[in-house]
Structures are given as structure tokens and as C-alpha cells.
Amino acid sequence: MVSNFHMPLSTMLMMVAAFGGYEFVMKAYDVAVKEKYRFGAYGDAMLILK
């Protein structure tokens, strides 16, 4: 699954977590925030391999 980097607490982020696993996605999200990834439709994307 390839998805944009969604806003915190958005339904789109929860959809990604449903496919990728909540804990796995939230850990990746924490790293992305620390690395200052951009949020929103034109920001960075993430690839989830499961």
C-alpha cells in the first residue's frame, strides 16, 4: 500500500493503520514526525509492505 502522509487523528491515517497494523504504522509515524516529514496531500508518501 502506498499512501500520503496523513494528518494526525485523521480517518485516512486510521485506514492505513487498519491495513498496515496500528502499532507498526504509529511507530513509522513517530519517526516521520521526528524527521520533519510534511503532512497532507502534497507531502511525503509512505510504503507499507506486509
N, C-alpha and C. Protein backbone atom coordinates (compact mmCIF):
# COMPACT_ATOMS: atom_id res chain seq x y z
N MET A 1 0.85 -1.16 0.00
CA MET A 1 0.00 0.00 0.00
C MET A 1 0.90 1.23 0.00
N VAL A 2 0.60 2.18 -0.87
CA VAL A 2 1.29 3.47 -0.88
C VAL A 2 0.26 4.53 -0.56
N SER A 3 0.56 5.37 0.39
CA SER A 3 -0.39 6.38 0.83
C SER A 3 0.35 7.66 1.17
N ASN A 4 -0.35 8.78 1.09
CA ASN A 4 0.23 10.04 1.54
C ASN A 4 0.44 9.99 3.03
N PHE A 5 1.21 10.94 3.53
CA PHE A 5 1.46 11.07 4.96
C PHE A 5 0.32 11.90 5.53
N HIS A 6 -0.61 11.26 6.21
CA HIS A 6 -1.86 11.90 6.62
C HIS A 6 -1.74 12.68 7.91
N MET A 7 -2.68 13.60 8.08
CA MET A 7 -2.74 14.42 9.28
C MET A 7 -3.00 13.53 10.51
N PRO A 8 -2.50 13.95 11.68
CA PRO A 8 -2.75 13.17 12.90
C PRO A 8 -4.25 13.04 13.17
N LEU A 9 -4.64 11.91 13.67
CA LEU A 9 -6.02 11.61 14.06
C LEU A 9 -7.02 11.65 12.91
N SER A 10 -6.55 11.57 11.68
CA SER A 10 -7.46 11.59 10.53
C SER A 10 -8.00 10.18 10.28
N THR A 11 -9.14 10.12 9.62
CA THR A 11 -9.71 8.82 9.26
C THR A 11 -8.83 8.12 8.23
N MET A 12 -8.14 8.89 7.40
CA MET A 12 -7.24 8.27 6.41
C MET A 12 -6.06 7.58 7.11
N LEU A 13 -5.54 8.19 8.17
CA LEU A 13 -4.46 7.56 8.92
C LEU A 13 -4.94 6.27 9.55
N MET A 14 -6.15 6.25 10.04
CA MET A 14 -6.71 5.03 10.65
C MET A 14 -6.93 3.94 9.58
N MET A 15 -7.29 4.34 8.36
CA MET A 15 -7.43 3.37 7.27
C MET A 15 -6.07 2.71 6.98
N VAL A 16 -5.01 3.53 6.93
CA VAL A 16 -3.68 2.99 6.71
C VAL A 16 -3.29 2.06 7.85
N ALA A 17 -3.61 2.45 9.08
CA ALA A 17 -3.31 1.60 10.24
C ALA A 17 -4.07 0.28 10.18
N ALA A 18 -5.28 0.30 9.65
CA ALA A 18 -6.05 -0.93 9.53
C ALA A 18 -5.38 -1.91 8.57
N PHE A 19 -4.77 -1.40 7.52
CA PHE A 19 -4.07 -2.27 6.56
C PHE A 19 -2.68 -2.65 7.03
N GLY A 20 -1.96 -1.71 7.64
CA GLY A 20 -0.57 -1.94 8.00
C GLY A 20 -0.34 -2.41 9.41
N GLY A 21 -1.36 -2.35 10.24
CA GLY A 21 -1.21 -2.68 11.65
C GLY A 21 -0.97 -1.42 12.46
N TYR A 22 -1.78 -1.20 13.47
CA TYR A 22 -1.76 0.05 14.22
C TYR A 22 -0.39 0.36 14.81
N GLU A 23 0.20 -0.58 15.54
CA GLU A 23 1.50 -0.34 16.19
C GLU A 23 2.59 -0.03 15.18
N PHE A 24 2.64 -0.79 14.10
CA PHE A 24 3.65 -0.60 13.06
C PHE A 24 3.53 0.78 12.42
N VAL A 25 2.31 1.17 12.08
CA VAL A 25 2.09 2.47 11.43
C VAL A 25 2.39 3.61 12.40
N MET A 26 2.00 3.48 13.65
CA MET A 26 2.25 4.56 14.62
C MET A 26 3.74 4.72 14.90
N LYS A 27 4.50 3.63 14.91
CA LYS A 27 5.95 3.74 15.07
C LYS A 27 6.56 4.46 13.88
N ALA A 28 6.12 4.10 12.68
CA ALA A 28 6.60 4.78 11.47
C ALA A 28 6.21 6.25 11.50
N TYR A 29 5.03 6.54 11.98
CA TYR A 29 4.53 7.92 12.07
C TYR A 29 5.40 8.73 13.04
N ASP A 30 5.76 8.14 14.18
CA ASP A 30 6.62 8.82 15.15
C ASP A 30 7.97 9.18 14.53
N VAL A 31 8.54 8.24 13.78
CA VAL A 31 9.82 8.51 13.11
C VAL A 31 9.65 9.63 12.09
N ALA A 32 8.58 9.59 11.34
CA ALA A 32 8.33 10.62 10.32
C ALA A 32 8.19 12.00 10.95
N VAL A 33 7.52 12.09 12.07
CA VAL A 33 7.37 13.38 12.76
C VAL A 33 8.74 13.88 13.23
N LYS A 34 9.55 12.98 13.79
CA LYS A 34 10.88 13.37 14.25
C LYS A 34 11.77 13.84 13.10
N GLU A 35 11.58 13.23 11.93
CA GLU A 35 12.37 13.58 10.75
C GLU A 35 11.78 14.77 9.98
N LYS A 36 10.67 15.32 10.50
CA LYS A 36 10.02 16.50 9.93
C LYS A 36 9.45 16.28 8.53
N TYR A 37 8.86 15.10 8.33
CA TYR A 37 8.15 14.85 7.07
C TYR A 37 6.98 15.82 6.98
N ARG A 38 6.53 16.11 5.77
CA ARG A 38 5.41 17.02 5.57
C ARG A 38 4.09 16.26 5.60
N PHE A 39 3.06 16.93 6.10
CA PHE A 39 1.72 16.35 6.16
C PHE A 39 0.89 16.80 4.96
N GLY A 40 -0.16 16.05 4.66
CA GLY A 40 -1.13 16.48 3.67
C GLY A 40 -0.95 15.83 2.31
N ALA A 41 -1.79 16.25 1.39
CA ALA A 41 -1.88 15.62 0.08
C ALA A 41 -0.61 15.77 -0.75
N TYR A 42 0.16 16.83 -0.54
CA TYR A 42 1.35 17.04 -1.34
C TYR A 42 2.62 16.76 -0.57
N GLY A 43 2.50 16.10 0.56
CA GLY A 43 3.66 15.79 1.39
C GLY A 43 4.31 14.49 0.97
N ASP A 44 5.08 13.93 1.85
CA ASP A 44 5.78 12.68 1.61
C ASP A 44 4.78 11.52 1.60
N ALA A 45 5.19 10.44 0.99
CA ALA A 45 4.35 9.23 0.94
C ALA A 45 5.01 8.14 1.75
N MET A 46 4.23 7.15 2.14
CA MET A 46 4.79 6.00 2.84
C MET A 46 4.39 4.73 2.12
N LEU A 47 5.26 3.75 2.14
CA LEU A 47 5.01 2.46 1.53
C LEU A 47 4.92 1.44 2.66
N ILE A 48 3.84 0.71 2.70
CA ILE A 48 3.64 -0.30 3.73
C ILE A 48 3.73 -1.67 3.06
N LEU A 49 4.70 -2.45 3.47
CA LEU A 49 4.87 -3.83 2.98
C LEU A 49 4.48 -4.76 4.10
N LYS A 50 3.54 -5.62 3.83
CA LYS A 50 3.10 -6.53 4.88
C LYS A 50 2.95 -7.90 4.31
